[in-house]
Amino acid sequence: MAPKVVLVTGVSRFLGGNLAARFAANPDIERVLGVDTEPPPRDLLRRMGRAEFVRADIRNPLIAKVIATAGVDTVVHASVTANPAGPTGRTVMKEMNVIGTMQLLAACQKSPHLRKLVVKSTSAVYGSSARDPAVFAEGMSPKELPSSGYAKDAVEVEGYVRGFSRRRPDVDVTTLRFTNFIGPRIDTVLTRYFALPVVPTVMGYDARVQLLHSEDALAILERATMHDLPGVFNAGGEGVLLLSQAIRRAGRLTLPVPSGAVPSVGRFFRSARLVDFSPDQMRFLNWGRVVDTTLLRSEFGFTPRWTTRQAFDDYVSGRGLRPLIAPERVEAVERGLLDAAARLR
């Protein structure tokens, strides 16, 4: 049964705002509420159409009044984020992710109208380490629990969601563990990383990267909201790219950095406001992460339109990234090196 009154958190950002716009365009949904601490950008607010923006902080217990007064029957919690803003961003990010989720779930628990909860989570809950399996399925646990940053926040968020599900078995709860988003319209740590002219990597490592196009992410969240699909689902594009392959496809230059110098390099990029790397994101660039999406296709009923490679190429073309060095020149140098190596043998 289609929801009647939907509340979406995090509408000042790409995912929440565009999701609210999709719901607003659906005549089967009577009312759409978009909640955030600050209004969406003007163009996004315009796309949201009849969706009602509510300036509210989900860390505040008053969010319960918003849910109760509007008779919300479906909540889409899309505001859990890995992107801190400003010099105190990490502290505020953790508060919004963890404390905000706690207060939102407390409000949901009190609501007699609620019948569905959709939570945007992340595959970062599996962590990144040298002991990881080749592919993570939903029933697997991390070999090393994330100890900081967004990954740790997500583990705590999922714990609170499981507790809510036990207390309110009458509510359908869908948890979506997304791989890293990519696309021409979305702004993330990873999209800024691949847009750097010279991309730092950890010397001796070449992580496997699985990506999901931002438009596929919106479609998955929309499907979870419009259909009764409770459970935990990994969500990612088919296939993987090695980090070195992705950097090359973006036409960037690689800067291999010794592992001991990685924290200093991370601080430099953060102080220059180019890319804000957290420790868990640096581990991801070491080891990578790949998830099994069988349940997404078989039980959830969705196959992403873009593969990992196609999603990345769409990001590159959509952002207008141009090679810093002509591909022909790179190929000529490679041929020369291969010829030299052959002569030495």
Protein backbone atom coordinates (compact mmCIF):
# COMPACT_ATOMS: atom_id res chain seq x y z
CA MET A 1 0.00 0.00 0.00
CA ALA A 2 1.38 3.42 -0.97
CA PRO A 3 2.16 5.79 1.91
CA LYS A 4 -0.07 8.80 2.46
CA VAL A 5 2.08 11.16 4.53
CA VAL A 6 5.86 10.88 4.10
CA LEU A 7 8.55 12.66 6.11
CA VAL A 8 12.08 12.84 4.66
CA THR A 9 15.08 13.97 6.73
CA GLY A 10 18.13 15.74 5.31
CA VAL A 11 16.37 17.59 2.48
CA SER A 12 19.01 20.33 2.25
CA ARG A 13 21.34 17.75 0.69
CA PHE A 14 21.17 16.08 -2.71
CA LEU A 15 19.69 12.75 -1.70
CA GLY A 16 17.00 13.92 0.72
CA GLY A 17 15.94 16.91 -1.38
CA ASN A 18 15.66 15.01 -4.65
CA LEU A 19 13.86 12.16 -2.95
CA ALA A 20 11.30 14.60 -1.52
CA ALA A 21 10.90 16.01 -5.04
CA ARG A 22 10.10 12.53 -6.39
CA PHE A 23 7.50 11.96 -3.71
CA ALA A 24 5.96 15.38 -4.34
CA ALA A 25 5.53 14.44 -8.01
CA ASN A 26 3.64 11.26 -7.04
CA PRO A 27 -0.14 11.90 -6.88
CA ASP A 28 -0.66 8.79 -4.72
CA ILE A 29 1.13 10.51 -1.83
CA GLU A 30 -1.10 13.05 -0.11
CA ARG A 31 1.55 15.03 1.75
CA VAL A 32 5.35 15.28 1.79
CA LEU A 33 7.32 16.87 4.63
CA GLY A 34 11.00 17.67 4.21
CA VAL A 35 12.94 18.22 7.44
CA ASP A 36 16.36 19.81 7.93
CA THR A 37 18.15 22.42 10.04
CA GLU A 38 18.63 24.68 7.02
CA PRO A 39 16.59 25.19 3.85
CA PRO A 40 17.58 23.44 0.62
CA PRO A 41 19.33 25.47 -2.10
CA ARG A 42 16.87 27.55 -4.13
CA ASP A 43 16.92 25.33 -7.23
CA LEU A 44 16.43 22.18 -5.14
CA LEU A 45 13.59 23.81 -3.18
CA ARG A 46 11.93 24.67 -6.48
CA ARG A 47 12.21 21.07 -7.68
CA MET A 48 10.61 19.89 -4.44
CA GLY A 49 7.35 21.42 -5.64
CA ARG A 50 4.47 20.85 -3.22
CA ALA A 51 6.71 19.23 -0.60
CA GLU A 52 6.56 21.25 2.63
CA PHE A 53 9.90 22.27 4.10
CA VAL A 54 9.96 22.11 7.90
CA ARG A 55 12.94 23.77 9.55
CA ALA A 56 13.56 21.43 12.46
CA ASP A 57 16.48 19.72 14.17
CA ILE A 58 15.97 15.96 14.57
CA ARG A 59 18.25 16.13 17.62
CA ASN A 60 15.44 18.01 19.35
CA PRO A 61 12.55 16.04 20.89
CA LEU A 62 10.18 18.51 19.17
CA ILE A 63 10.51 16.34 16.04
CA ALA A 64 7.93 14.10 17.75
CA LYS A 65 5.41 16.93 17.55
CA VAL A 66 6.02 17.31 13.80
CA ILE A 67 5.44 13.58 13.20
CA ALA A 68 2.36 13.42 15.43
CA THR A 69 0.70 16.60 14.19
CA ALA A 70 1.05 15.68 10.51
CA GLY A 71 -0.04 12.08 11.03
CA VAL A 72 3.13 10.78 9.33
CA ASP A 73 2.85 7.11 8.33
CA THR A 74 6.25 6.77 6.60
CA VAL A 75 9.64 8.18 7.63
CA VAL A 76 12.65 8.13 5.31
CA HIS A 77 15.79 8.85 7.33
CA ALA A 78 18.19 10.09 4.65
CA SER A 79 20.23 12.57 6.69
CA VAL A 80 22.94 10.18 7.98
CA THR A 81 26.02 11.68 6.31
CA ALA A 82 29.76 11.24 5.87
CA ASN A 83 30.33 14.87 4.85
CA PRO A 84 31.22 17.20 7.73
CA ALA A 85 30.71 20.91 7.20
CA GLY A 86 32.98 23.60 8.63
CA PRO A 87 35.82 23.42 11.18
CA THR A 88 33.65 21.69 13.82
CA GLY A 89 32.00 19.50 11.22
CA ARG A 90 33.01 16.13 12.65
CA THR A 91 31.46 16.86 16.05
CA VAL A 92 28.24 18.15 14.54
CA MET A 93 28.20 15.26 12.03
CA LYS A 94 28.33 12.69 14.85
CA GLU A 95 25.61 14.50 16.79
CA MET A 96 23.34 14.64 13.75
CA ASN A 97 24.02 11.03 12.80
CA VAL A 98 23.76 9.37 16.20
CA ILE A 99 21.86 11.70 18.55
CA GLY A 100 19.59 12.78 15.71
CA THR A 101 18.74 9.17 14.89
CA MET A 102 18.03 8.40 18.56
CA GLN A 103 15.59 11.31 18.85
CA LEU A 104 13.95 10.52 15.52
CA LEU A 105 13.40 6.88 16.50
CA ALA A 106 12.03 7.94 19.87
CA ALA A 107 9.51 10.13 18.04
CA CYS A 108 8.65 7.29 15.66
CA GLN A 109 8.13 4.90 18.55
CA LYS A 110 5.48 7.19 20.08
CA SER A 111 3.56 7.62 16.82
CA PRO A 112 0.50 5.37 16.45
CA HIS A 113 0.24 6.27 12.75
CA LEU A 114 3.69 5.07 11.70
CA ARG A 115 3.79 1.94 9.55
CA LYS A 116 7.09 2.22 7.68
CA LEU A 117 10.67 3.37 8.34
CA VAL A 118 13.36 3.51 5.66
CA VAL A 119 16.95 4.15 6.78
CA LYS A 120 19.85 5.20 4.58
CA SER A 121 22.86 3.34 5.95
CA THR A 122 26.22 2.47 4.40
CA SER A 123 28.38 -0.51 3.53
CA ALA A 124 31.03 1.19 5.70
CA VAL A 125 29.50 -0.76 8.62
CA TYR A 126 31.56 -3.73 7.33
CA GLY A 127 34.77 -1.77 7.88
CA SER A 128 37.93 -2.02 5.76
CA SER A 129 40.88 -4.20 6.69
CA ALA A 130 43.40 -6.68 5.33
CA ARG A 131 41.33 -9.52 6.82
CA ASP A 132 38.15 -8.71 4.92
CA PRO A 133 36.47 -11.33 2.71
CA ALA A 134 36.36 -10.71 -1.03
CA VAL A 135 32.64 -9.86 -0.79
CA PHE A 136 30.44 -8.91 2.17
CA ALA A 137 26.90 -10.32 2.39
CA GLU A 138 24.24 -8.83 4.67
CA GLY A 139 24.62 -11.51 7.34
CA MET A 140 28.37 -11.00 7.76
CA SER A 141 30.06 -9.03 10.53
CA PRO A 142 33.13 -6.83 10.08
CA LYS A 143 36.51 -8.41 10.76
CA GLU A 144 37.48 -5.21 12.56
CA LEU A 145 34.75 -2.98 13.96
CA PRO A 146 34.97 0.64 12.71
CA SER A 147 36.44 2.71 15.52
CA SER A 148 35.80 6.25 14.31
CA GLY A 149 34.05 8.56 11.89
CA TYR A 150 31.08 7.91 9.67
CA ALA A 151 31.52 4.13 9.75
CA LYS A 152 31.28 4.04 13.54
CA ASP A 153 28.27 6.37 13.43
CA ALA A 154 26.54 4.03 10.98
CA VAL A 155 27.16 0.99 13.21
CA GLU A 156 25.56 2.83 16.13
CA VAL A 157 22.67 4.04 13.97
CA GLU A 158 21.91 0.49 12.81
CA GLY A 159 22.01 -0.71 16.41
CA TYR A 160 19.35 1.83 17.39
CA VAL A 161 17.27 0.90 14.33
CA ARG A 162 17.33 -2.79 15.31
CA GLY A 163 16.21 -1.84 18.81
CA PHE A 164 13.35 0.21 17.39
CA SER A 165 12.31 -2.70 15.17
CA ARG A 166 12.08 -5.00 18.21
CA ARG A 167 9.97 -2.48 20.11
CA ARG A 168 7.68 -1.72 17.15
CA PRO A 169 7.25 -5.02 15.25
CA ASP A 170 4.17 -3.50 13.59
CA VAL A 171 6.41 -1.10 11.61
CA ASP A 172 8.15 -2.27 8.41
CA VAL A 173 11.82 -1.29 8.70
CA THR A 174 14.10 -1.23 5.65
CA THR A 175 17.83 -0.60 6.12
CA LEU A 176 19.83 0.13 2.97
CA ARG A 177 23.61 -0.30 3.10
CA PHE A 178 24.76 1.80 0.19
CA THR A 179 28.21 1.63 -1.37
CA ASN A 180 29.89 4.96 -2.18
CA PHE A 181 27.79 7.28 -4.33
CA ILE A 182 29.07 8.70 -7.60
CA GLY A 183 27.47 10.80 -10.31
CA PRO A 184 27.61 14.15 -12.05
CA ARG A 185 25.10 15.84 -9.71
CA ILE A 186 26.10 14.64 -6.25
CA ASP A 187 28.89 16.11 -4.11
CA THR A 188 30.72 13.71 -1.79
CA VAL A 189 34.21 13.20 -0.39
CA LEU A 190 34.83 10.66 -3.17
CA THR A 191 33.65 12.91 -6.04
CA ARG A 192 35.94 15.68 -4.77
CA TYR A 193 38.80 13.18 -4.37
CA PHE A 194 38.65 11.98 -7.98
CA ALA A 195 38.41 15.59 -9.22
CA LEU A 196 41.79 16.53 -7.69
CA PRO A 197 44.43 17.24 -10.36
CA VAL A 198 46.87 14.99 -8.51
CA VAL A 199 45.22 12.18 -6.54
CA PRO A 200 47.08 10.86 -3.46
CA THR A 201 47.05 7.09 -2.95
CA VAL A 202 48.67 4.86 -0.34
CA MET A 203 51.89 3.41 -1.71
CA GLY A 204 51.68 -0.34 -2.21
CA TYR A 205 47.87 -0.51 -2.14
CA ASP A 206 45.27 -0.57 -4.89
CA ALA A 207 41.81 -0.76 -3.34
CA ARG A 208 38.81 -2.39 -5.02
CA VAL A 209 36.06 0.19 -5.28
CA GLN A 210 32.35 -0.55 -5.79
CA LEU A 211 30.17 2.44 -6.63
CA LEU A 212 26.48 3.28 -6.98
CA HIS A 213 25.14 5.97 -9.28
CA SER A 214 23.29 8.64 -7.31
CA GLU A 215 20.21 8.24 -9.54
CA ASP A 216 20.11 4.52 -8.72
CA ALA A 217 20.35 5.42 -5.03
CA LEU A 218 17.29 7.67 -5.37
CA ALA A 219 15.39 4.93 -7.20
CA ILE A 220 16.23 2.39 -4.47
CA LEU A 221 15.06 4.72 -1.69
CA GLU A 222 11.89 5.48 -3.64
CA ARG A 223 11.15 1.78 -4.15
CA ALA A 224 11.74 1.02 -0.46
CA THR A 225 9.26 3.76 0.43
CA MET A 226 6.53 2.83 -2.04
CA HIS A 227 6.59 -0.94 -1.42
CA ASP A 228 6.63 -3.15 1.67
CA LEU A 229 10.21 -4.46 1.62
CA PRO A 230 11.42 -4.88 5.20
CA GLY A 231 14.94 -6.12 5.85
CA VAL A 232 18.59 -5.19 5.37
CA PHE A 233 19.88 -4.84 1.83
CA ASN A 234 23.29 -4.09 0.35
CA ALA A 235 23.01 -1.63 -2.53
CA GLY A 236 25.78 -1.16 -5.07
CA GLY A 237 26.48 -1.25 -8.77
CA GLU A 238 27.64 -4.41 -10.48
CA GLY A 239 31.39 -4.91 -10.79
CA VAL A 240 34.37 -3.09 -9.29
CA LEU A 241 37.15 -0.75 -10.28
CA LEU A 242 40.65 -0.74 -8.88
CA LEU A 243 41.48 2.67 -7.44
CA SER A 244 44.27 3.08 -9.99
CA GLN A 245 41.85 2.32 -12.83
CA ALA A 246 39.35 4.88 -11.58
CA ILE A 247 42.01 7.59 -11.29
CA ARG A 248 43.21 6.84 -14.80
CA ARG A 249 39.65 6.90 -16.21
CA ALA A 250 39.23 10.34 -14.64
CA GLY A 251 42.38 11.53 -16.40
CA ARG A 252 44.08 12.38 -13.10
CA LEU A 253 47.67 11.85 -11.99
CA THR A 254 48.47 9.50 -9.10
CA LEU A 255 50.60 10.58 -6.16
CA PRO A 256 51.69 7.45 -4.21
CA VAL A 257 52.26 8.40 -0.57
CA PRO A 258 54.10 6.22 1.99
CA SER A 259 51.64 5.00 4.62
CA GLY A 260 53.49 6.91 7.36
CA ALA A 261 52.93 10.20 5.55
CA VAL A 262 49.21 9.65 4.90
CA PRO A 263 47.99 11.53 8.05
CA SER A 264 50.08 14.59 7.09
CA VAL A 265 48.78 14.54 3.53
CA GLY A 266 45.22 14.19 4.83
CA ARG A 267 45.70 17.22 7.10
CA PHE A 268 47.08 19.23 4.18
CA PHE A 269 44.07 18.51 1.97
CA ARG A 270 41.71 19.22 4.87
CA SER A 271 43.36 22.56 5.70
CA ALA A 272 43.27 23.53 2.03
CA ARG A 273 39.54 22.63 2.03
CA LEU A 274 40.02 20.35 -0.95
CA VAL A 275 38.95 16.99 0.52
CA ASP A 276 38.19 16.16 4.15
CA PHE A 277 39.53 12.64 4.69
CA SER A 278 38.53 10.85 7.88
CA PRO A 279 40.52 7.87 9.24
CA ASP A 280 37.84 5.39 8.12
CA GLN A 281 37.90 6.88 4.62
CA MET A 282 41.67 6.53 4.52
CA ARG A 283 41.33 2.84 5.44
CA PHE A 284 38.84 2.47 2.61
CA LEU A 285 41.44 3.88 0.20
CA ASN A 286 43.86 1.25 1.53
CA TRP A 287 41.69 -1.84 1.39
CA GLY A 288 38.50 -0.98 -0.46
CA ARG A 289 35.24 -2.85 0.06
CA VAL A 290 32.89 -4.95 -2.11
CA VAL A 291 29.39 -6.15 -1.17
CA ASP A 292 27.10 -8.88 -2.45
CA THR A 293 23.92 -7.39 -3.98
CA THR A 294 22.06 -10.65 -4.67
CA LEU A 295 19.28 -9.79 -2.21
CA LEU A 296 18.84 -6.36 -3.80
CA ARG A 297 18.04 -8.01 -7.11
CA SER A 298 16.19 -11.14 -5.96
CA GLU A 299 14.19 -10.02 -2.89
CA PHE A 300 14.15 -6.24 -3.12
CA GLY A 301 13.45 -6.44 -6.85
CA PHE A 302 15.88 -3.82 -8.14
CA THR A 303 18.82 -4.00 -10.53
CA PRO A 304 20.89 -0.80 -10.75
CA ARG A 305 20.81 0.82 -14.17
CA TRP A 306 24.52 1.69 -14.04
CA THR A 307 27.39 -0.68 -13.29
CA THR A 308 30.28 0.62 -11.18
CA ARG A 309 32.28 1.38 -14.33
CA GLN A 310 29.36 3.05 -16.11
CA ALA A 311 28.49 5.14 -13.06
CA PHE A 312 32.08 6.34 -12.77
CA ASP A 313 32.28 7.17 -16.47
CA ASP A 314 29.02 9.14 -16.22
CA TYR A 315 30.53 11.11 -13.33
CA VAL A 316 33.66 11.86 -15.37
CA SER A 317 31.76 12.98 -18.48
CA GLY A 318 29.09 14.84 -16.51
CA ARG A 319 31.67 16.80 -14.52
CA GLY A 320 33.65 17.55 -17.68
CA LEU A 321 36.88 16.12 -16.27
CA ARG A 322 39.63 16.32 -18.87
CA PRO A 323 42.91 14.35 -18.85
CA LEU A 324 45.83 16.40 -17.56
CA ILE A 325 48.08 14.52 -19.97
CA ALA A 326 46.89 13.39 -23.39
CA PRO A 327 46.09 9.63 -23.42
CA GLU A 328 48.25 9.19 -26.53
CA ARG A 329 51.27 10.51 -24.66
CA VAL A 330 50.61 8.20 -21.70
CA GLU A 331 50.31 5.23 -24.07
CA ALA A 332 53.56 6.18 -25.81
CA VAL A 333 55.40 6.33 -22.47
CA GLU A 334 53.91 2.97 -21.45
CA ARG A 335 54.99 1.38 -24.72
CA GLY A 336 58.48 2.74 -24.24
CA LEU A 337 58.69 1.31 -20.72
CA LEU A 338 57.40 -2.06 -21.88
CA ASP A 339 59.90 -2.16 -24.74
CA ALA A 340 62.72 -1.27 -22.35
CA ALA A 341 61.63 -3.98 -19.91
CA ALA A 342 61.48 -6.51 -22.76
CA ARG A 343 65.03 -5.65 -23.86
CA LEU A 344 66.31 -6.04 -20.29
CA ARG A 345 64.77 -9.51 -20.10
